[in-house]
C-alpha atoms as a PDB file:
ATOM      1  CA  MET A   1      38.406  41.136  31.670  1.00  0.00           C
ATOM      2  CA  ALA A   2      38.858  37.395  31.260  1.00  0.00           C
ATOM      3  CA  LEU A   3      38.737  35.149  34.299  1.00  0.00           C
ATOM      4  CA  ILE A   4      42.389  34.180  33.875  1.00  0.00           C
ATOM      5  CA  GLU A   5      43.348  37.859  34.030  1.00  0.00           C
ATOM      6  CA  LEU A   6      41.384  38.258  37.270  1.00  0.00           C
ATOM      7  CA  TYR A   7      43.175  35.268  38.784  1.00  0.00           C
ATOM      8  CA  ALA A   8      46.515  36.661  37.658  1.00  0.00           C
ATOM      9  CA  ALA A   9      45.746  40.042  39.233  1.00  0.00           C
ATOM     10  CA  LEU A  10      44.648  38.356  42.458  1.00  0.00           C
ATOM     11  CA  TYR A  11      47.827  36.310  42.759  1.00  0.00           C
ATOM     12  CA  GLN A  12      49.989  39.334  41.997  1.00  0.00           C
ATOM     13  CA  GLU A  13      48.326  41.115  44.911  1.00  0.00           C
ATOM     14  CA  TYR A  14      48.848  38.211  47.290  1.00  0.00           C
ATOM     15  CA  LYS A  15      52.446  37.625  46.253  1.00  0.00           C
ATOM     16  CA  ARG A  16      53.424  39.885  49.132  1.00  0.00           C
ATOM     17  CA  ILE A  17      52.018  37.487  51.757  1.00  0.00           C
ATOM     18  CA  LEU A  18      53.171  34.178  50.290  1.00  0.00           C
ATOM     19  CA  THR A  19      56.595  32.623  50.378  1.00  0.00           C
ATOM     20  CA  ASP A  20      58.288  32.489  46.996  1.00  0.00           C
ATOM     21  CA  ARG A  21      57.676  28.749  46.774  1.00  0.00           C
ATOM     22  CA  GLN A  22      54.020  29.011  47.786  1.00  0.00           C
ATOM     23  CA  TYR A  23      53.508  31.683  45.164  1.00  0.00           C
ATOM     24  CA  GLU A  24      55.261  29.633  42.497  1.00  0.00           C
ATOM     25  CA  VAL A  25      53.275  26.469  43.273  1.00  0.00           C
ATOM     26  CA  LEU A  26      49.945  28.311  43.477  1.00  0.00           C
ATOM     27  CA  TRP A  27      50.664  30.117  40.210  1.00  0.00           C
ATOM     28  CA  LEU A  28      51.535  26.905  38.392  1.00  0.00           C
ATOM     29  CA  HIS A  29      48.455  25.156  39.759  1.00  0.00           C
ATOM     30  CA  GLU A  30      45.801  27.866  39.612  1.00  0.00           C
ATOM     31  CA  ILE A  31      46.941  29.997  36.680  1.00  0.00           C
ATOM     32  CA  GLU A  32      48.820  27.576  34.449  1.00  0.00           C
ATOM     33  CA  GLY A  33      46.609  24.635  35.358  1.00  0.00           C
ATOM     34  CA  LEU A  34      49.371  22.150  36.118  1.00  0.00           C
ATOM     35  CA  SER A  35      48.693  19.073  38.215  1.00  0.00           C
ATOM     36  CA  GLY A  36      50.566  18.323  41.428  1.00  0.00           C
ATOM     37  CA  LYS A  37      52.611  15.724  39.580  1.00  0.00           C
ATOM     38  CA  GLU A  38      53.525  18.191  36.831  1.00  0.00           C
ATOM     39  CA  ILE A  39      54.500  20.844  39.379  1.00  0.00           C
ATOM     40  CA  SER A  40      56.545  18.291  41.277  1.00  0.00           C
ATOM     41  CA  GLY A  41      58.492  17.432  38.146  1.00  0.00           C
ATOM     42  CA  ARG A  42      58.966  21.017  37.045  1.00  0.00           C
ATOM     43  CA  LEU A  43      60.195  22.245  40.432  1.00  0.00           C
ATOM     44  CA  ASP A  44      61.998  19.031  41.398  1.00  0.00           C
ATOM     45  CA  ILE A  45      60.131  18.718  44.697  1.00  0.00           C
ATOM     46  CA  SER A  46      57.962  15.907  46.037  1.00  0.00           C
ATOM     47  CA  GLN A  47      54.241  15.779  45.397  1.00  0.00           C
ATOM     48  CA  SER A  48      53.652  15.997  49.137  1.00  0.00           C
ATOM     49  CA  ALA A  49      55.692  19.224  49.200  1.00  0.00           C
ATOM     50  CA  VAL A  50      53.521  20.565  46.381  1.00  0.00           C
ATOM     51  CA  SER A  51      50.409  19.711  48.418  1.00  0.00           C
ATOM     52  CA  ARG A  52      51.839  21.407  51.520  1.00  0.00           C
ATOM     53  CA  HIS A  53      52.719  24.585  49.610  1.00  0.00           C
ATOM     54  CA  LEU A  54      49.255  24.687  48.038  1.00  0.00           C
ATOM     55  CA  ALA A  55      47.504  24.209  51.371  1.00  0.00           C
ATOM     56  CA  ARG A  56      49.625  26.693  53.315  1.00  0.00           C
ATOM     57  CA  GLY A  57      49.458  29.263  50.533  1.00  0.00           C
ATOM     58  CA  LYS A  58      45.677  29.041  50.377  1.00  0.00           C
ATOM     59  CA  ILE A  59      45.446  29.346  54.153  1.00  0.00           C
ATOM     60  CA  SER A  60      47.604  32.480  54.026  1.00  0.00           C
ATOM     61  CA  ILE A  61      45.379  33.976  51.343  1.00  0.00           C
ATOM     62  CA  LEU A  62      42.216  33.184  53.297  1.00  0.00           C
ATOM     63  CA  LYS A  63      43.674  34.779  56.435  1.00  0.00           C
ATOM     64  CA  GLU A  64      44.521  37.898  54.440  1.00  0.00           C
ATOM     65  CA  ILE A  65      41.000  38.049  53.007  1.00  0.00           C
ATOM     66  CA  LYS A  66      39.577  37.814  56.534  1.00  0.00           C
ATOM     67  CA  ARG A  67      41.928  40.574  57.764  1.00  0.00           C
ATOM     68  CA  GLU A  68      40.917  42.829  54.878  1.00  0.00           C
ATOM     69  CA  ARG A  69      37.226  42.123  55.466  1.00  0.00           C
ATOM     70  CA  ALA A  70      37.556  42.914  59.180  1.00  0.00           C
ATOM     71  CA  LYS A  71      39.445  46.108  58.380  1.00  0.00           C
ATOM     72  CA  ARG A  72      36.688  47.237  55.997  1.00  0.00           C
ATOM     73  CA  GLU A  73      33.987  46.440  58.574  1.00  0.00           C
ATOM     74  CA  ASP A  74      35.871  48.455  61.201  1.00  0.00           C
ATOM     75  CA  ASN A  75      36.051  51.429  58.821  1.00  0.00           C
ATOM     76  CA  ALA A  76      32.366  51.237  57.886  1.00  0.00           C
END
């Protein structure tokens, strides 16, 4: 499986914990490889909003990873 397919599968899984906008911004940045400026133009939002959505989305994903890890450790 190509790396891009792994990223796509990962973001599909985490779509359930992200807001629609966070998901959209993360997808455009991480999967499609767009810059903050390009995302800003495409979505008609400020570059600072793009940065906020990226940061908050990544934080949400990291929290979910930690929850899943803790759950697995508890079940081990």
